[in-house]
Amino acid sequence: MKKFVTAIREMADLFNYRNERAFTLIEVLVAIFILLIIITSFSLLFSESFINIFASGYKSEAQYKLQDLVENIFLGVNKSMEGVSVTPTNISGFAVEFSGLGTVSVDGDEYHVDTTFSDARGNQRPVNLTFFVPEGSN
């Protein structure tokens, strides 16, 4: 009988959790809350990065379309300039210096072309293009 009582006490000691410390509900909730803050901050960082990547893509596309439009206008292919403003500036004696070869002076017009495009958030953003056309080339 003594062995039986000893075995029962040993089994009771196995299930005795008074000496061991477990996680409380508050500790688990605090840990989950901290993890949520970390995950949220990273997700906001990544989503903002993706928005900026798409905005850069939209701007590049708008610049390409603007350059294509300007080239077609100067080639006489397309005269439609809806939503685009062009500001010509006459430049006399535009100088380009070549190392060891001297300076070349060119007369012509500098053009500033401005328009807007919709970015990833739907906001209207400006895009501009500046180029130089030597005299007698258009």
Protein backbone atom coordinates (compact mmCIF):
# COMPACT_ATOMS: atom_id res chain seq x y z
CA MET A 1 0.00 0.00 0.00
CA LYS A 2 2.90 2.29 0.71
CA LYS A 3 4.08 1.94 -2.89
CA PHE A 4 0.62 2.82 -4.14
CA VAL A 5 0.50 6.02 -2.06
CA THR A 6 3.99 6.94 -3.23
CA ALA A 7 2.98 6.40 -6.85
CA ILE A 8 -0.12 8.57 -6.37
CA ARG A 9 1.98 11.35 -4.82
CA GLU A 10 4.48 11.18 -7.69
CA MET A 11 1.63 11.46 -10.19
CA ALA A 12 0.19 14.38 -8.27
CA ASP A 13 3.60 16.07 -8.36
CA LEU A 14 3.66 15.66 -12.13
CA PHE A 15 0.46 17.69 -12.38
CA ASN A 16 1.46 20.25 -9.77
CA TYR A 17 2.01 23.52 -11.65
CA ARG A 18 2.36 25.75 -8.64
CA ASN A 19 6.14 25.84 -8.93
CA GLU A 20 6.19 26.39 -12.70
CA ARG A 21 5.28 29.69 -14.28
CA ALA A 22 3.10 29.67 -17.40
CA PHE A 23 2.15 32.52 -19.71
CA THR A 24 -0.84 34.48 -18.57
CA LEU A 25 -3.50 35.75 -20.91
CA ILE A 26 -2.23 39.32 -20.53
CA GLU A 27 1.30 38.30 -21.54
CA VAL A 28 0.00 36.51 -24.61
CA LEU A 29 -2.14 39.50 -25.59
CA VAL A 30 0.79 41.90 -25.16
CA ALA A 31 3.00 39.67 -27.31
CA ILE A 32 0.33 39.51 -30.02
CA PHE A 33 -0.11 43.29 -29.87
CA ILE A 34 3.64 43.87 -30.29
CA LEU A 35 3.71 41.47 -33.25
CA LEU A 36 0.76 43.29 -34.83
CA ILE A 37 2.54 46.63 -34.50
CA ILE A 38 5.66 45.23 -36.17
CA ILE A 39 3.71 43.55 -38.98
CA THR A 40 1.62 46.67 -39.58
CA SER A 41 4.66 48.92 -39.81
CA PHE A 42 6.33 46.63 -42.34
CA SER A 43 3.17 46.29 -44.41
CA LEU A 44 2.78 50.08 -44.52
CA LEU A 45 6.41 50.41 -45.57
CA PHE A 46 6.01 47.90 -48.37
CA SER A 47 2.71 49.33 -49.61
CA GLU A 48 4.18 52.85 -49.72
CA SER A 49 7.18 51.51 -51.64
CA PHE A 50 4.91 49.84 -54.18
CA ILE A 51 2.92 53.05 -54.61
CA ASN A 52 6.14 54.99 -55.25
CA ILE A 53 7.32 52.38 -57.75
CA PHE A 54 4.06 52.65 -59.68
CA ALA A 55 4.18 56.47 -59.52
CA SER A 56 7.67 56.41 -61.02
CA GLY A 57 6.43 54.12 -63.76
CA TYR A 58 3.53 56.44 -64.55
CA LYS A 59 5.91 59.42 -64.67
CA SER A 60 8.30 57.59 -67.00
CA GLU A 61 5.40 56.65 -69.26
CA ALA A 62 4.17 60.26 -69.30
CA GLN A 63 7.66 61.53 -70.16
CA TYR A 64 7.96 59.01 -72.97
CA LYS A 65 4.56 59.98 -74.40
CA LEU A 66 5.45 63.67 -74.12
CA GLN A 67 8.77 63.12 -75.91
CA ASP A 68 7.01 61.10 -78.61
CA LEU A 69 4.41 63.85 -79.05
CA VAL A 70 7.07 66.56 -79.35
CA GLU A 71 9.08 64.53 -81.87
CA ASN A 72 5.97 63.92 -83.96
CA ILE A 73 5.07 67.62 -83.84
CA PHE A 74 8.51 68.64 -85.07
CA LEU A 75 8.36 65.98 -87.78
CA GLY A 76 4.97 67.31 -88.85
CA VAL A 77 3.20 64.00 -88.19
CA ASN A 78 0.90 65.13 -85.39
CA LYS A 79 -0.22 68.64 -84.46
CA SER A 80 -2.43 67.73 -81.47
CA MET A 81 -1.13 69.39 -78.32
CA GLU A 82 -4.20 69.19 -76.09
CA GLY A 83 -3.25 69.68 -72.43
CA VAL A 84 0.38 70.46 -73.30
CA SER A 85 2.03 73.86 -73.04
CA VAL A 86 5.14 74.68 -75.07
CA THR A 87 7.34 77.66 -74.23
CA PRO A 88 10.03 78.44 -76.81
CA THR A 89 13.05 80.54 -75.86
CA ASN A 90 15.39 81.85 -78.54
CA ILE A 91 19.00 81.18 -77.62
CA SER A 92 21.72 82.95 -79.50
CA GLY A 93 25.22 81.54 -79.33
CA PHE A 94 24.63 78.34 -77.37
CA ALA A 95 28.21 77.22 -76.78
CA VAL A 96 29.43 73.66 -76.43
CA GLU A 97 33.04 73.18 -75.41
CA PHE A 98 34.89 70.03 -76.45
CA SER A 99 37.99 69.17 -74.49
CA GLY A 100 41.03 69.84 -76.62
CA LEU A 101 38.95 70.63 -79.73
CA GLY A 102 37.65 74.10 -78.95
CA THR A 103 34.19 75.58 -78.68
CA VAL A 104 31.24 75.28 -81.06
CA SER A 105 28.58 77.99 -80.99
CA VAL A 106 25.05 77.13 -82.13
CA ASP A 107 21.99 79.36 -82.49
CA GLY A 108 18.57 77.86 -81.95
CA ASP A 109 15.53 77.58 -79.74
CA GLU A 110 15.13 75.95 -76.36
CA TYR A 111 11.69 74.51 -75.70
CA HIS A 112 10.05 73.82 -72.36
CA VAL A 113 7.10 71.45 -72.67
CA ASP A 114 4.81 70.96 -69.67
CA THR A 115 1.83 68.69 -69.03
CA THR A 116 0.33 66.62 -66.21
CA PHE A 117 -0.21 62.92 -65.57
CA SER A 118 -2.18 60.89 -63.04
CA ASP A 119 -0.01 59.13 -60.48
CA ALA A 120 -0.75 55.87 -58.65
CA ARG A 121 -3.12 57.65 -56.25
CA GLY A 122 -4.97 59.52 -59.00
CA ASN A 123 -3.34 62.88 -58.25
CA GLN A 124 -2.39 65.15 -61.13
CA ARG A 125 1.39 65.58 -61.22
CA PRO A 126 3.43 67.82 -63.51
CA VAL A 127 5.87 66.42 -66.03
CA ASN A 128 8.10 68.55 -68.21
CA LEU A 129 10.61 68.19 -70.97
CA THR A 130 13.28 70.66 -72.05
CA PHE A 131 15.13 70.33 -75.33
CA PHE A 132 17.17 72.40 -77.77
CA VAL A 133 16.51 72.68 -81.50
CA PRO A 134 19.37 74.16 -83.54
CA GLU A 135 18.45 76.89 -85.99
CA GLY A 136 17.48 75.61 -89.43
CA SER A 137 16.72 72.05 -88.30
CA ASN A 138 12.93 72.32 -88.09
